Amino acid sequence: MEDGFSRTVGAMEIWINPACSKCRSAMSLLDAEGAEYTVRRYLEDVPSEDEIREVLDRLGLEPWDITRTQEAAAKELGLKEWARDDSSRDRWIAALASHPKLIQRPIITADDGSAVVARTEDAVRDVLKKS
């Protein structure tokens, strides 16, 4: 509770980069709808590989689906050349955990166990309907 945000099991959480306009827009919409949520500044509070796996399961996506391939780190790692298959999944997850800037944002995990990459107002509204 030190950061002023309660960490309630089952509560919504949004992974944000405060410098990101889509993150700020998503939080504004959540606030406007009176949603209760926890903010996670994932560049400072970096998700572990296990947390990334859990979010991917909730999203129903693969790690390459949530990777920002235009970031400098992606180019340095040569991510565009990496295989996108089961045998490469752990390598991608390790890269996301080591370079959190590569994680697409914002990601909202909902009360019902689902998650969404909330880059559009419609995606945020979908989460709000479920909560």
N, C-alpha and C. Protein backbone atom coordinates (compact mmCIF):
# COMPACT_ATOMS: atom_id res chain seq x y z
N MET A 1 0.82 -1.20 0.00
CA MET A 1 0.00 0.00 0.00
C MET A 1 0.87 1.27 0.00
N GLU A 2 2.19 1.11 0.05
CA GLU A 2 3.05 2.29 0.14
C GLU A 2 2.82 3.26 -1.02
N ASP A 3 2.52 2.74 -2.21
CA ASP A 3 2.38 3.62 -3.36
C ASP A 3 0.99 4.25 -3.47
N GLY A 4 0.13 3.97 -2.49
CA GLY A 4 -1.19 4.58 -2.52
C GLY A 4 -2.21 3.78 -3.32
N PHE A 5 -1.78 2.72 -3.96
CA PHE A 5 -2.70 1.88 -4.73
C PHE A 5 -2.90 0.57 -4.00
N SER A 6 -4.13 0.17 -3.81
CA SER A 6 -4.36 -1.11 -3.16
C SER A 6 -4.17 -2.21 -4.19
N ARG A 7 -3.62 -3.31 -3.77
CA ARG A 7 -3.41 -4.44 -4.66
C ARG A 7 -4.43 -5.51 -4.29
N THR A 8 -5.61 -5.37 -4.81
CA THR A 8 -6.69 -6.29 -4.51
C THR A 8 -6.67 -7.43 -5.51
N VAL A 9 -6.77 -8.64 -5.02
CA VAL A 9 -6.84 -9.78 -5.92
C VAL A 9 -8.12 -9.66 -6.75
N GLY A 10 -7.99 -9.83 -8.04
CA GLY A 10 -9.15 -9.75 -8.91
C GLY A 10 -9.47 -8.34 -9.40
N ALA A 11 -8.75 -7.34 -8.91
CA ALA A 11 -9.00 -5.98 -9.37
C ALA A 11 -8.34 -5.76 -10.73
N MET A 12 -8.83 -4.76 -11.45
CA MET A 12 -8.22 -4.42 -12.73
C MET A 12 -6.85 -3.80 -12.51
N GLU A 13 -5.94 -4.12 -13.42
CA GLU A 13 -4.62 -3.50 -13.39
C GLU A 13 -4.31 -3.04 -14.79
N ILE A 14 -3.66 -1.87 -14.89
CA ILE A 14 -3.26 -1.36 -16.20
C ILE A 14 -1.76 -1.14 -16.19
N TRP A 15 -1.09 -1.74 -17.18
CA TRP A 15 0.35 -1.56 -17.34
C TRP A 15 0.53 -0.35 -18.24
N ILE A 16 1.23 0.66 -17.71
CA ILE A 16 1.38 1.90 -18.47
C ILE A 16 2.81 2.39 -18.52
N ASN A 17 3.06 3.22 -19.52
CA ASN A 17 4.22 4.10 -19.59
C ASN A 17 3.60 5.50 -19.53
N PRO A 18 3.86 6.29 -18.47
CA PRO A 18 3.22 7.60 -18.33
C PRO A 18 3.47 8.53 -19.52
N ALA A 19 4.54 8.29 -20.29
CA ALA A 19 4.84 9.14 -21.45
C ALA A 19 4.00 8.79 -22.67
N CYS A 20 3.22 7.71 -22.59
CA CYS A 20 2.46 7.20 -23.73
C CYS A 20 1.06 7.82 -23.77
N SER A 21 0.71 8.44 -24.88
CA SER A 21 -0.61 9.08 -24.99
C SER A 21 -1.74 8.06 -24.96
N LYS A 22 -1.54 6.87 -25.52
CA LYS A 22 -2.60 5.85 -25.49
C LYS A 22 -2.84 5.36 -24.06
N CYS A 23 -1.78 5.31 -23.25
CA CYS A 23 -1.92 4.93 -21.83
C CYS A 23 -2.73 5.99 -21.09
N ARG A 24 -2.38 7.24 -21.31
CA ARG A 24 -3.10 8.33 -20.64
C ARG A 24 -4.57 8.35 -21.07
N SER A 25 -4.83 8.12 -22.35
CA SER A 25 -6.21 8.07 -22.84
C SER A 25 -7.00 6.95 -22.19
N ALA A 26 -6.38 5.77 -22.09
CA ALA A 26 -7.05 4.61 -21.47
C ALA A 26 -7.38 4.91 -20.01
N MET A 27 -6.43 5.50 -19.27
CA MET A 27 -6.68 5.82 -17.86
C MET A 27 -7.77 6.89 -17.73
N SER A 28 -7.79 7.87 -18.63
CA SER A 28 -8.84 8.90 -18.60
C SER A 28 -10.21 8.27 -18.78
N LEU A 29 -10.30 7.31 -19.68
CA LEU A 29 -11.58 6.63 -19.91
C LEU A 29 -11.98 5.79 -18.70
N LEU A 30 -11.02 5.08 -18.12
CA LEU A 30 -11.31 4.31 -16.90
C LEU A 30 -11.79 5.24 -15.79
N ASP A 31 -11.11 6.38 -15.63
CA ASP A 31 -11.51 7.36 -14.60
C ASP A 31 -12.91 7.90 -14.87
N ALA A 32 -13.18 8.23 -16.14
CA ALA A 32 -14.48 8.79 -16.50
C ALA A 32 -15.62 7.82 -16.21
N GLU A 33 -15.30 6.51 -16.30
CA GLU A 33 -16.31 5.48 -16.04
C GLU A 33 -16.33 5.05 -14.58
N GLY A 34 -15.46 5.67 -13.76
CA GLY A 34 -15.43 5.35 -12.33
C GLY A 34 -14.87 3.97 -12.02
N ALA A 35 -14.04 3.44 -12.92
CA ALA A 35 -13.47 2.10 -12.72
C ALA A 35 -12.41 2.13 -11.62
N GLU A 36 -12.35 1.04 -10.87
CA GLU A 36 -11.29 0.88 -9.87
C GLU A 36 -10.19 0.06 -10.51
N TYR A 37 -8.97 0.58 -10.42
CA TYR A 37 -7.86 -0.13 -11.04
C TYR A 37 -6.55 0.24 -10.36
N THR A 38 -5.57 -0.60 -10.56
CA THR A 38 -4.22 -0.38 -10.07
C THR A 38 -3.34 -0.02 -11.25
N VAL A 39 -2.51 0.99 -11.08
CA VAL A 39 -1.56 1.38 -12.13
C VAL A 39 -0.23 0.67 -11.89
N ARG A 40 0.29 0.08 -12.94
CA ARG A 40 1.62 -0.51 -12.87
C ARG A 40 2.48 0.17 -13.93
N ARG A 41 3.47 0.90 -13.48
CA ARG A 41 4.42 1.53 -14.39
C ARG A 41 5.45 0.45 -14.73
N TYR A 42 5.16 -0.28 -15.78
CA TYR A 42 5.90 -1.51 -16.05
C TYR A 42 7.36 -1.28 -16.46
N LEU A 43 7.74 -0.05 -16.78
CA LEU A 43 9.15 0.21 -17.07
C LEU A 43 9.96 0.28 -15.78
N GLU A 44 9.28 0.64 -14.67
CA GLU A 44 9.92 0.70 -13.35
C GLU A 44 9.69 -0.59 -12.57
N ASP A 45 8.46 -1.09 -12.62
CA ASP A 45 8.06 -2.32 -11.94
C ASP A 45 7.96 -3.40 -13.02
N VAL A 46 9.13 -3.87 -13.45
CA VAL A 46 9.22 -4.74 -14.64
C VAL A 46 8.59 -6.10 -14.36
N PRO A 47 7.68 -6.53 -15.25
CA PRO A 47 7.07 -7.86 -15.06
C PRO A 47 8.10 -8.98 -15.26
N SER A 48 7.94 -10.01 -14.45
CA SER A 48 8.79 -11.19 -14.57
C SER A 48 8.36 -11.99 -15.80
N GLU A 49 9.19 -12.95 -16.17
CA GLU A 49 8.83 -13.83 -17.29
C GLU A 49 7.51 -14.54 -17.00
N ASP A 50 7.33 -14.99 -15.75
CA ASP A 50 6.08 -15.68 -15.39
C ASP A 50 4.87 -14.74 -15.50
N GLU A 51 5.04 -13.50 -15.07
CA GLU A 51 3.93 -12.53 -15.20
C GLU A 51 3.60 -12.27 -16.67
N ILE A 52 4.61 -12.19 -17.50
CA ILE A 52 4.38 -11.99 -18.93
C ILE A 52 3.65 -13.20 -19.51
N ARG A 53 4.06 -14.41 -19.11
CA ARG A 53 3.36 -15.63 -19.58
C ARG A 53 1.88 -15.58 -19.17
N GLU A 54 1.62 -15.20 -17.91
CA GLU A 54 0.24 -15.15 -17.42
C GLU A 54 -0.58 -14.15 -18.22
N VAL A 55 -0.03 -12.97 -18.46
CA VAL A 55 -0.75 -11.96 -19.23
C VAL A 55 -0.98 -12.44 -20.67
N LEU A 56 0.02 -13.08 -21.26
CA LEU A 56 -0.17 -13.62 -22.61
C LEU A 56 -1.29 -14.65 -22.64
N ASP A 57 -1.35 -15.52 -21.62
CA ASP A 57 -2.44 -16.51 -21.54
C ASP A 57 -3.78 -15.79 -21.45
N ARG A 58 -3.84 -14.76 -20.62
CA ARG A 58 -5.09 -14.00 -20.45
C ARG A 58 -5.48 -13.27 -21.73
N LEU A 59 -4.47 -12.78 -22.46
CA LEU A 59 -4.73 -12.08 -23.72
C LEU A 59 -5.08 -13.05 -24.85
N GLY A 60 -4.61 -14.31 -24.71
CA GLY A 60 -4.77 -15.27 -25.80
C GLY A 60 -3.83 -14.94 -26.96
N LEU A 61 -2.67 -14.35 -26.63
CA LEU A 61 -1.72 -13.93 -27.65
C LEU A 61 -0.35 -14.58 -27.41
N GLU A 62 0.51 -14.44 -28.38
CA GLU A 62 1.89 -14.90 -28.29
C GLU A 62 2.77 -13.69 -28.00
N PRO A 63 3.99 -13.91 -27.49
CA PRO A 63 4.84 -12.77 -27.13
C PRO A 63 5.13 -11.82 -28.31
N TRP A 64 5.29 -12.38 -29.51
CA TRP A 64 5.57 -11.52 -30.67
C TRP A 64 4.37 -10.65 -31.02
N ASP A 65 3.17 -11.04 -30.57
CA ASP A 65 1.97 -10.24 -30.83
C ASP A 65 1.94 -8.95 -30.01
N ILE A 66 2.65 -8.93 -28.88
CA ILE A 66 2.65 -7.75 -28.03
C ILE A 66 4.02 -7.06 -28.00
N THR A 67 4.85 -7.34 -29.00
CA THR A 67 6.19 -6.77 -29.05
C THR A 67 6.21 -5.55 -29.95
N ARG A 68 6.78 -4.47 -29.43
CA ARG A 68 6.94 -3.23 -30.19
C ARG A 68 8.21 -3.36 -31.03
N THR A 69 8.04 -3.81 -32.26
CA THR A 69 9.21 -4.14 -33.10
C THR A 69 9.91 -2.91 -33.67
N GLN A 70 9.33 -1.72 -33.51
CA GLN A 70 9.98 -0.51 -34.01
C GLN A 70 10.93 0.11 -32.98
N GLU A 71 10.90 -0.38 -31.74
CA GLU A 71 11.78 0.15 -30.71
C GLU A 71 13.25 -0.13 -31.05
N ALA A 72 14.14 0.73 -30.58
CA ALA A 72 15.57 0.56 -30.82
C ALA A 72 16.07 -0.79 -30.32
N ALA A 73 15.61 -1.21 -29.14
CA ALA A 73 16.06 -2.49 -28.58
C ALA A 73 15.65 -3.65 -29.49
N ALA A 74 14.49 -3.56 -30.12
CA ALA A 74 14.03 -4.63 -31.03
C ALA A 74 14.97 -4.72 -32.22
N LYS A 75 15.37 -3.56 -32.72
CA LYS A 75 16.28 -3.55 -33.87
C LYS A 75 17.65 -4.09 -33.47
N GLU A 76 18.12 -3.69 -32.27
CA GLU A 76 19.42 -4.17 -31.78
C GLU A 76 19.42 -5.69 -31.62
N LEU A 77 18.31 -6.24 -31.12
CA LEU A 77 18.20 -7.69 -30.92
C LEU A 77 17.93 -8.44 -32.22
N GLY A 78 17.51 -7.72 -33.25
CA GLY A 78 17.15 -8.36 -34.52
C GLY A 78 15.86 -9.16 -34.43
N LEU A 79 14.90 -8.66 -33.62
CA LEU A 79 13.66 -9.40 -33.38
C LEU A 79 12.88 -9.76 -34.65
N LYS A 80 12.94 -8.91 -35.64
CA LYS A 80 12.19 -9.19 -36.87
C LYS A 80 12.64 -10.48 -37.53
N GLU A 81 13.88 -10.89 -37.22
CA GLU A 81 14.43 -12.12 -37.82
C GLU A 81 14.14 -13.36 -36.97
N TRP A 82 13.67 -13.16 -35.72
CA TRP A 82 13.46 -14.30 -34.83
C TRP A 82 12.28 -15.14 -35.30
N ALA A 83 12.41 -16.45 -35.10
CA ALA A 83 11.32 -17.36 -35.42
C ALA A 83 10.13 -17.06 -34.50
N ARG A 84 8.94 -17.26 -35.03
CA ARG A 84 7.72 -17.05 -34.25
C ARG A 84 7.01 -18.39 -34.14
N ASP A 85 7.55 -19.24 -33.26
CA ASP A 85 6.99 -20.57 -33.07
C ASP A 85 7.17 -20.98 -31.60
N ASP A 86 6.59 -22.13 -31.25
CA ASP A 86 6.63 -22.59 -29.85
C ASP A 86 8.05 -22.69 -29.30
N SER A 87 8.98 -23.14 -30.13
CA SER A 87 10.34 -23.32 -29.63
C SER A 87 11.03 -21.98 -29.35
N SER A 88 10.53 -20.90 -29.92
CA SER A 88 11.12 -19.57 -29.73
C SER A 88 10.38 -18.74 -28.68
N ARG A 89 9.25 -19.25 -28.20
CA ARG A 89 8.39 -18.48 -27.28
C ARG A 89 9.15 -17.99 -26.06
N ASP A 90 9.92 -18.86 -25.40
CA ASP A 90 10.65 -18.48 -24.19
C ASP A 90 11.69 -17.40 -24.47
N ARG A 91 12.31 -17.47 -25.63
CA ARG A 91 13.30 -16.46 -26.01
C ARG A 91 12.64 -15.08 -26.12
N TRP A 92 11.46 -15.04 -26.73
CA TRP A 92 10.71 -13.79 -26.86
C TRP A 92 10.31 -13.25 -25.48
N ILE A 93 9.82 -14.14 -24.63
CA ILE A 93 9.38 -13.73 -23.29
C ILE A 93 10.57 -13.18 -22.50
N ALA A 94 11.71 -13.83 -22.60
CA ALA A 94 12.92 -13.35 -21.92
C ALA A 94 13.31 -11.96 -22.43
N ALA A 95 13.16 -11.73 -23.74
CA ALA A 95 13.49 -10.42 -24.31
C ALA A 95 12.54 -9.35 -23.76
N LEU A 96 11.26 -9.66 -23.64
CA LEU A 96 10.29 -8.70 -23.10
C LEU A 96 10.59 -8.38 -21.64
N ALA A 97 10.97 -9.39 -20.87
CA ALA A 97 11.29 -9.18 -19.45
C ALA A 97 12.58 -8.37 -19.31
N SER A 98 13.54 -8.59 -20.20
CA SER A 98 14.81 -7.88 -20.14
C SER A 98 14.73 -6.47 -20.70
N HIS A 99 13.79 -6.26 -21.62
CA HIS A 99 13.63 -4.96 -22.30
C HIS A 99 12.15 -4.59 -22.27
N PRO A 100 11.64 -4.16 -21.10
CA PRO A 100 10.20 -3.92 -20.98
C PRO A 100 9.65 -2.87 -21.94
N LYS A 101 10.52 -2.01 -22.47
CA LYS A 101 10.05 -1.02 -23.46
C LYS A 101 9.45 -1.69 -24.69
N LEU A 102 9.81 -2.97 -24.89
CA LEU A 102 9.32 -3.71 -26.05
C LEU A 102 7.86 -4.16 -25.88
N ILE A 103 7.33 -4.09 -24.65
CA ILE A 103 5.96 -4.56 -24.41
C ILE A 103 4.96 -3.52 -24.89
N GLN A 104 4.04 -3.99 -25.73
CA GLN A 104 2.96 -3.11 -26.22
C GLN A 104 2.16 -2.60 -25.04
N ARG A 105 1.67 -1.40 -25.12
CA ARG A 105 0.97 -0.77 -24.01
C ARG A 105 -0.22 0.03 -24.51
N PRO A 106 -1.15 0.31 -23.66
CA PRO A 106 -1.33 -0.23 -22.31
C PRO A 106 -1.96 -1.62 -22.36
N ILE A 107 -1.71 -2.39 -21.33
CA ILE A 107 -2.37 -3.69 -21.17
C ILE A 107 -3.21 -3.60 -19.91
N ILE A 108 -4.49 -3.96 -20.05
CA ILE A 108 -5.39 -3.99 -18.90
C ILE A 108 -5.75 -5.43 -18.62
N THR A 109 -5.55 -5.84 -17.36
CA THR A 109 -6.03 -7.16 -16.93
C THR A 109 -7.33 -6.90 -16.17
N ALA A 110 -8.36 -7.63 -16.55
CA ALA A 110 -9.71 -7.40 -16.02
C ALA A 110 -10.04 -8.33 -14.86
N ASP A 111 -11.10 -7.94 -14.15
CA ASP A 111 -11.57 -8.70 -12.99
C ASP A 111 -11.93 -10.14 -13.33
N ASP A 112 -12.38 -10.37 -14.57
CA ASP A 112 -12.87 -11.70 -14.94
C ASP A 112 -11.75 -12.64 -15.40
N GLY A 113 -10.49 -12.19 -15.30
CA GLY A 113 -9.38 -13.04 -15.70
C GLY A 113 -8.92 -12.81 -17.13
N SER A 114 -9.63 -11.98 -17.87
CA SER A 114 -9.21 -11.68 -19.24
C SER A 114 -8.23 -10.51 -19.22
N ALA A 115 -7.75 -10.17 -20.40
CA ALA A 115 -6.86 -9.02 -20.54
C ALA A 115 -7.02 -8.49 -21.95
N VAL A 116 -6.60 -7.23 -22.15
CA VAL A 116 -6.70 -6.61 -23.47
C VAL A 116 -5.56 -5.63 -23.64
N VAL A 117 -5.05 -5.55 -24.86
CA VAL A 117 -4.12 -4.48 -25.22
C VAL A 117 -5.04 -3.30 -25.56
N ALA A 118 -5.06 -2.30 -24.69
CA ALA A 118 -6.08 -1.25 -24.72
C ALA A 118 -5.63 -0.01 -25.51
N ARG A 119 -5.28 -0.22 -26.77
CA ARG A 119 -4.79 0.89 -27.59
C ARG A 119 -5.93 1.69 -28.22
N THR A 120 -7.17 1.20 -28.10
CA THR A 120 -8.31 1.93 -28.64
C THR A 120 -9.36 2.12 -27.55
N GLU A 121 -10.22 3.10 -27.74
CA GLU A 121 -11.30 3.34 -26.79
C GLU A 121 -12.23 2.12 -26.73
N ASP A 122 -12.46 1.48 -27.87
CA ASP A 122 -13.33 0.29 -27.90
C ASP A 122 -12.76 -0.83 -27.04
N ALA A 123 -11.44 -1.02 -27.10
CA ALA A 123 -10.81 -2.09 -26.29
C ALA A 123 -11.00 -1.80 -24.80
N VAL A 124 -10.84 -0.54 -24.41
CA VAL A 124 -11.04 -0.17 -22.99
C VAL A 124 -12.50 -0.41 -22.60
N ARG A 125 -13.42 -0.02 -23.47
CA ARG A 125 -14.86 -0.21 -23.18
C ARG A 125 -15.21 -1.70 -23.04
N ASP A 126 -14.56 -2.55 -23.84
CA ASP A 126 -14.79 -4.00 -23.74
C ASP A 126 -14.42 -4.50 -22.35
N VAL A 127 -13.30 -4.02 -21.82
CA VAL A 127 -12.86 -4.42 -20.47
C VAL A 127 -13.86 -3.91 -19.44
N LEU A 128 -14.31 -2.69 -19.60
CA LEU A 128 -15.26 -2.12 -18.65
C LEU A 128 -16.57 -2.91 -18.62
N LYS A 129 -17.00 -3.40 -19.75
CA LYS A 129 -18.23 -4.22 -19.80
C LYS A 129 -18.08 -5.50 -19.02
N LYS A 130 -16.87 -6.07 -19.01
CA LYS A 130 -16.62 -7.34 -18.33
C LYS A 130 -16.47 -7.18 -16.83
N SER A 131 -16.08 -5.97 -16.41
CA SER A 131 -15.76 -5.77 -14.98
C SER A 131 -16.98 -5.41 -14.16
